[in-house]
Structure formats: C-alpha cells, structure tokens
Amino acid sequence: MQAGVKTNDLRTIALFDGMPGARSMVLAALEGQGCVLVDSPVRPRCAVAAAGDFLYCGGEPGPEGKHLLRQAMGTYEGWLIYATGKWMDVLKSLKPVKMITRMAYRHDVQPKDENMHRLLAKLPEGAGFQPIEGEWIDWCRQAEWSRDFVSLFTTEDYTRRGLGVLLMVDGQAVAGASSYVSYPGGIEIQLQTRDDQQGRGYATLAAAKLILMAHARGLIATWDAANPVSGHIAQKLGYQEEGTYQVAMIDK
C-alpha cells in the first residue's frame, strides 16, 4: 500500500464524517486550496487534509497513518490539527501538542437575511463597504491584519471564486470579512478588525454584509469560532451551534 497519495476525489469527504467544523475546509482542500493525502487511491481507509493552517485527520490511521501525517505536516510548525482517537496517539508520537477548544456551527442552517439587514441598519455615519476586488485584492496582502482575507488565493483565483468586503469609515478600511477558503456551494468566513478599531462592532457589520453577498450568489457562508469573541458574533448573526471540538496546536 502506498501512503501519501494526493486525491481530489470528493468521495473522500466521507472519511471526515462526524468531525464538526471539518466539512468546508476538507472540501476546499479537495478543490485545490490545499491538498488531501490518502493511504490508497483506490480504497482509502485514512486521509489527512491540509487547508490554510489546519490539518484534518480522517478515517482510521492504520499502519500508514504516521507516515501520512508526517508527510502532510512537512517542516511547517504552525499547524492546528484536528485529530481524535487513534489519530491523536499518532500525532503525540510525532510532536508535543497543546489542546485548544473551538466551536463549530451548522452549515445547513444559515443566518436569515432579515437579521443581516437589521444589523446593517446600524451602520454608523461615514461608513460604507468596499468589495475586495481588483486592486483591493493585492491591497489586502500588504497589511498583516487583512492578509488572511486573500492569503490562500492567487489574485486571479480570488477574482474567480473568492468573495470579500472591507468596511470603510471615513475612507479607511477598519474591518473586513472574506472567504478564507471557497468550496463547491459555499465559503468559510474569515473575519478581522484592524487593531486600533477593535470593540466597535465593525466585524459584525462586515460579516453581515458578506453573508448577504454570499446568499445573493446562491452560496452558503460557514462559520467556525476560535474564541469567545468570534462565538458572540456568530450568535448575533444567527448561526446555530453544532458543538465544540478540540484541535492540537504543535508545541514548539
């Protein structure tokens, strides 16, 4: 059996069933925004999906699991790794880890557009929205706070399948929401506020606008919360909790 075979077979998603928060990221990896490695191209029993800073370990690791995970990790040490059961044993045999908790939200229940319009009615005077398109795609790459809006796309790729918006106040970008990844039928939301503009509700407004933009294109917008602030915004928008899960952060 050959380990570490790349695949874009959408049937591989079944190996990640029952993992809250994994579906959209694995689909994006299968579509080319990352990669998925399997232990066999014909009848895979285990797989590791890499997208952005995340690794997702699916199926049963078996004898090839350790090689598969090591290959997916490469030399990068910034991974957040979703590994449960036997996969966690495999991971701990490779690296010391620190566990952190995240909250997943149901992808099949979307926030209601009426609620987005209600939130956007509170847009402050002097504020407006700038779609992330054209020269704004490369603009986002220049600042640390906005880089992840487009970091997993080339400019051409973002133009084709990315979606995002910046909240502008008095002509300056103060927050934004964008597709961290895109996948068939949807986007995974990345949200960020400029450091000196925190605590003013700007992120919620940007997220509401992006959700409306996604729905207008027939896309769903999925959400995953890394911290209580993100979880609070998700509640305001109307996302429904799927459950908490733990990911391993590699301890450098």
Protein backbone atom coordinates (compact mmCIF):
# COMPACT_ATOMS: atom_id res chain seq x y z
CA MET A 1 0.00 0.00 0.00
CA GLN A 2 1.32 3.42 -0.95
CA ALA A 3 0.95 6.24 1.54
CA GLY A 4 0.72 9.92 0.82
CA VAL A 5 -1.21 9.79 -2.45
CA LYS A 6 -2.85 13.10 -3.36
CA THR A 7 -6.50 12.96 -4.30
CA ASN A 8 -9.32 15.28 -5.38
CA ASP A 9 -11.98 12.56 -5.19
CA LEU A 10 -14.96 14.17 -3.45
CA ARG A 11 -15.99 10.80 -2.06
CA THR A 12 -13.05 11.13 0.33
CA ILE A 13 -15.16 13.59 2.36
CA ALA A 14 -16.89 10.56 3.90
CA LEU A 15 -13.70 9.78 5.86
CA PHE A 16 -14.23 13.03 7.78
CA ASP A 17 -17.88 12.43 8.73
CA GLY A 18 -18.69 13.24 12.32
CA MET A 19 -15.99 15.91 12.65
CA PRO A 20 -17.68 19.26 13.47
CA GLY A 21 -16.21 22.15 11.51
CA ALA A 22 -14.25 19.97 9.09
CA ARG A 23 -16.56 19.72 6.08
CA SER A 24 -15.99 23.07 4.38
CA MET A 25 -12.23 23.04 4.88
CA VAL A 26 -11.84 19.49 3.57
CA LEU A 27 -13.98 20.32 0.55
CA ALA A 28 -11.78 23.35 -0.13
CA ALA A 29 -8.66 21.18 0.11
CA LEU A 30 -10.16 18.70 -2.34
CA GLU A 31 -10.86 21.59 -4.70
CA GLY A 32 -7.22 22.68 -4.68
CA GLN A 33 -6.98 25.18 -1.81
CA GLY A 34 -4.64 22.83 -0.02
CA CYS A 35 -4.37 19.10 -0.56
CA VAL A 36 -5.71 15.78 0.67
CA LEU A 37 -3.43 12.78 1.14
CA VAL A 38 -4.81 9.25 1.34
CA ASP A 39 -3.26 5.89 2.11
CA SER A 40 -4.64 4.37 -1.11
CA PRO A 41 -6.05 5.92 -4.30
CA VAL A 42 -8.50 3.06 -4.77
CA ARG A 43 -9.94 2.27 -1.34
CA PRO A 44 -8.60 4.79 1.16
CA ARG A 45 -9.04 3.95 4.82
CA CYS A 46 -7.49 7.13 6.14
CA ALA A 47 -6.76 10.64 4.91
CA VAL A 48 -5.15 13.89 6.02
CA ALA A 49 -6.49 17.15 4.59
CA ALA A 50 -4.43 20.35 4.70
CA ALA A 51 -6.03 23.76 4.17
CA GLY A 52 -4.58 27.02 5.43
CA ASP A 53 -3.11 26.40 8.88
CA PHE A 54 -5.32 23.38 9.51
CA LEU A 55 -4.81 19.63 9.22
CA TYR A 56 -7.77 17.25 9.46
CA CYS A 57 -7.19 13.56 10.14
CA GLY A 58 -9.98 11.31 8.90
CA GLY A 59 -10.71 7.60 8.85
CA GLU A 60 -8.66 5.03 10.78
CA PRO A 61 -4.90 5.69 10.67
CA GLY A 62 -3.76 2.07 10.39
CA PRO A 63 -0.09 1.24 9.75
CA GLU A 64 0.37 4.08 7.24
CA GLY A 65 -1.14 6.81 9.40
CA LYS A 66 2.10 8.03 10.92
CA HIS A 67 3.80 8.39 7.54
CA LEU A 68 0.73 10.13 6.12
CA LEU A 69 0.56 12.68 8.93
CA ARG A 70 4.30 13.32 8.91
CA GLN A 71 4.19 13.94 5.16
CA ALA A 72 1.25 16.34 5.49
CA MET A 73 2.96 18.27 8.29
CA GLY A 74 6.21 18.68 6.36
CA THR A 75 8.57 21.14 8.06
CA TYR A 76 5.88 23.70 8.95
CA GLU A 77 5.32 24.02 12.71
CA GLY A 78 2.24 26.23 12.82
CA TRP A 79 -0.44 23.61 12.28
CA LEU A 80 -3.74 23.35 14.10
CA ILE A 81 -4.50 19.64 13.88
CA TYR A 82 -7.92 18.04 14.23
CA ALA A 83 -7.08 14.51 15.36
CA THR A 84 -9.23 12.23 17.50
CA GLY A 85 -8.98 8.68 18.81
CA LYS A 86 -6.11 6.71 17.34
CA TRP A 87 -5.06 9.73 15.28
CA MET A 88 -4.23 11.59 18.49
CA ASP A 89 -1.94 8.75 19.53
CA VAL A 90 -0.21 9.00 16.15
CA LEU A 91 0.19 12.76 16.49
CA LYS A 92 1.60 12.57 20.01
CA SER A 93 4.18 10.08 18.80
CA LEU A 94 5.43 12.77 16.40
CA LYS A 95 5.18 16.07 18.29
CA PRO A 96 4.32 17.54 21.70
CA VAL A 97 0.93 19.22 21.46
CA LYS A 98 -1.26 21.71 23.29
CA MET A 99 -5.04 21.31 23.04
CA ILE A 100 -7.37 24.23 22.34
CA THR A 101 -11.16 24.28 22.03
CA ARG A 102 -13.16 25.67 19.11
CA MET A 103 -16.87 25.92 18.35
CA ALA A 104 -18.38 24.64 15.11
CA TYR A 105 -21.66 25.91 13.64
CA ARG A 106 -24.18 24.06 11.50
CA HIS A 107 -23.56 24.56 7.78
CA ASP A 108 -27.11 23.52 6.88
CA VAL A 109 -28.76 26.32 8.89
CA GLN A 110 -27.85 29.74 7.55
CA PRO A 111 -28.45 33.11 9.24
CA LYS A 112 -31.57 34.83 7.97
CA ASP A 113 -31.14 37.71 5.55
CA GLU A 114 -33.67 39.78 7.51
CA ASN A 115 -31.37 39.68 10.51
CA MET A 116 -28.43 40.81 8.37
CA HIS A 117 -30.42 43.80 7.12
CA ARG A 118 -31.43 44.65 10.70
CA LEU A 119 -27.80 44.64 11.79
CA LEU A 120 -26.72 46.72 8.81
CA ALA A 121 -29.35 49.35 9.62
CA LYS A 122 -26.98 50.31 12.46
CA LEU A 123 -24.17 51.21 10.06
CA PRO A 124 -22.55 54.34 11.53
CA GLU A 125 -22.44 57.65 9.71
CA GLY A 126 -19.48 57.89 7.34
CA ALA A 127 -19.24 54.11 6.95
CA GLY A 128 -19.67 52.03 3.80
CA PHE A 129 -18.45 48.89 2.11
CA GLN A 130 -15.76 48.19 -0.46
CA PRO A 131 -15.85 44.78 -2.18
CA ILE A 132 -12.49 43.02 -2.21
CA GLU A 133 -11.90 43.03 -5.95
CA GLY A 134 -9.45 44.44 -8.46
CA GLU A 135 -6.61 46.34 -6.80
CA TRP A 136 -8.14 45.71 -3.37
CA ILE A 137 -7.13 42.05 -3.54
CA ASP A 138 -3.45 42.97 -3.59
CA TRP A 139 -4.10 45.78 -1.11
CA CYS A 140 -5.23 43.20 1.43
CA ARG A 141 -1.90 41.39 1.13
CA GLN A 142 0.02 44.46 2.32
CA ALA A 143 -1.22 44.66 5.93
CA GLU A 144 -0.93 41.90 8.50
CA TRP A 145 -4.50 42.37 9.75
CA SER A 146 -6.05 41.90 6.29
CA ARG A 147 -3.63 39.39 4.76
CA ASP A 148 -5.62 36.26 5.55
CA PHE A 149 -8.59 37.60 3.59
CA VAL A 150 -6.78 36.56 0.41
CA SER A 151 -3.71 34.58 1.52
CA LEU A 152 -4.92 31.21 0.23
CA PHE A 153 -5.71 32.56 -3.24
CA THR A 154 -3.73 33.92 -6.13
CA THR A 155 -5.11 37.24 -7.37
CA GLU A 156 -6.64 35.51 -10.37
CA ASP A 157 -8.13 32.75 -8.24
CA TYR A 158 -9.67 35.20 -5.78
CA THR A 159 -11.20 37.11 -8.67
CA ARG A 160 -12.74 33.87 -9.91
CA ARG A 161 -14.04 32.29 -6.72
CA GLY A 162 -13.19 34.49 -3.75
CA LEU A 163 -15.64 36.84 -2.07
CA GLY A 164 -15.00 39.56 0.45
CA VAL A 165 -15.77 43.05 1.67
CA LEU A 166 -14.00 45.79 3.62
CA LEU A 167 -15.79 48.12 5.99
CA MET A 168 -14.67 51.66 5.26
CA VAL A 169 -15.03 54.52 7.75
CA ASP A 170 -14.15 57.99 6.51
CA GLY A 171 -12.32 56.41 3.56
CA GLN A 172 -10.18 54.00 5.61
CA ALA A 173 -10.55 50.22 5.87
CA VAL A 174 -11.22 49.35 9.52
CA ALA A 175 -12.51 45.77 9.30
CA GLY A 176 -13.40 43.13 6.79
CA ALA A 177 -14.87 39.72 6.08
CA SER A 178 -13.75 37.38 3.34
CA SER A 179 -13.67 33.82 2.10
CA TYR A 180 -10.80 32.20 3.97
CA VAL A 181 -11.46 29.33 1.56
CA SER A 182 -14.12 28.65 -1.05
CA TYR A 183 -15.64 25.28 -1.82
CA PRO A 184 -18.46 23.97 -4.04
CA GLY A 185 -21.55 25.92 -2.97
CA GLY A 186 -20.03 28.00 -0.23
CA ILE A 187 -17.32 29.95 1.55
CA GLU A 188 -15.73 29.72 5.00
CA ILE A 189 -15.72 33.18 6.60
CA GLN A 190 -12.54 34.90 7.76
CA LEU A 191 -13.19 37.96 9.91
CA GLN A 192 -10.78 40.61 11.14
CA THR A 193 -10.77 44.12 12.57
CA ARG A 194 -7.82 46.49 12.46
CA ASP A 195 -6.07 46.51 15.82
CA ASP A 196 -6.84 50.15 16.61
CA GLN A 197 -10.53 49.73 15.76
CA GLN A 198 -11.43 46.78 17.99
CA GLY A 199 -14.60 46.71 20.09
CA ARG A 200 -16.83 48.91 17.91
CA GLY A 201 -18.96 46.21 16.29
CA TYR A 202 -17.28 46.62 12.91
CA ALA A 203 -16.57 42.90 12.45
CA THR A 204 -20.25 42.05 12.89
CA LEU A 205 -21.23 44.57 10.23
CA ALA A 206 -18.65 43.24 7.77
CA ALA A 207 -19.78 39.67 8.39
CA ALA A 208 -23.45 40.57 7.87
CA LYS A 209 -22.63 42.23 4.56
CA LEU A 210 -20.58 39.25 3.37
CA ILE A 211 -23.32 36.78 4.28
CA LEU A 212 -25.80 38.76 2.17
CA MET A 213 -23.31 38.85 -0.71
CA ALA A 214 -22.82 35.08 -0.47
CA HIS A 215 -26.55 34.36 -0.33
CA ALA A 216 -27.13 36.60 -3.36
CA ARG A 217 -24.75 34.30 -5.29
CA GLY A 218 -26.51 31.18 -4.06
CA LEU A 219 -23.66 30.33 -1.68
CA ILE A 220 -23.75 29.36 1.96
CA ALA A 221 -21.36 31.06 4.38
CA THR A 222 -19.95 28.75 7.05
CA TRP A 223 -18.52 29.78 10.39
CA ASP A 224 -16.12 28.31 12.93
CA ALA A 225 -15.24 30.13 16.16
CA ALA A 226 -11.70 30.10 17.53
CA ASN A 227 -12.53 32.21 20.60
CA PRO A 228 -15.45 33.65 22.63
CA VAL A 229 -15.48 36.91 20.64
CA SER A 230 -16.00 35.00 17.39
CA GLY A 231 -18.65 32.90 19.09
CA HIS A 232 -20.50 36.00 20.29
CA ILE A 233 -20.55 37.43 16.77
CA ALA A 234 -21.85 34.11 15.42
CA GLN A 235 -24.73 34.27 17.90
CA LYS A 236 -25.61 37.84 16.89
CA LEU A 237 -25.64 36.84 13.24
CA GLY A 238 -27.88 33.84 13.89
CA TYR A 239 -25.63 30.81 13.43
CA GLN A 240 -26.61 27.63 15.28
CA GLU A 241 -24.04 25.75 17.30
CA GLU A 242 -23.02 22.27 16.16
CA GLY A 243 -20.72 21.61 19.08
CA THR A 244 -17.27 22.17 20.48
CA TYR A 245 -14.23 20.24 19.37
CA GLN A 246 -10.56 20.25 20.20
CA VAL A 247 -7.60 20.79 17.95
CA ALA A 248 -3.97 20.20 18.73
CA MET A 249 -1.54 23.08 18.47
CA ILE A 250 2.01 21.91 17.92
CA ASP A 251 4.13 22.92 20.89
CA LYS A 252 7.32 24.45 19.53
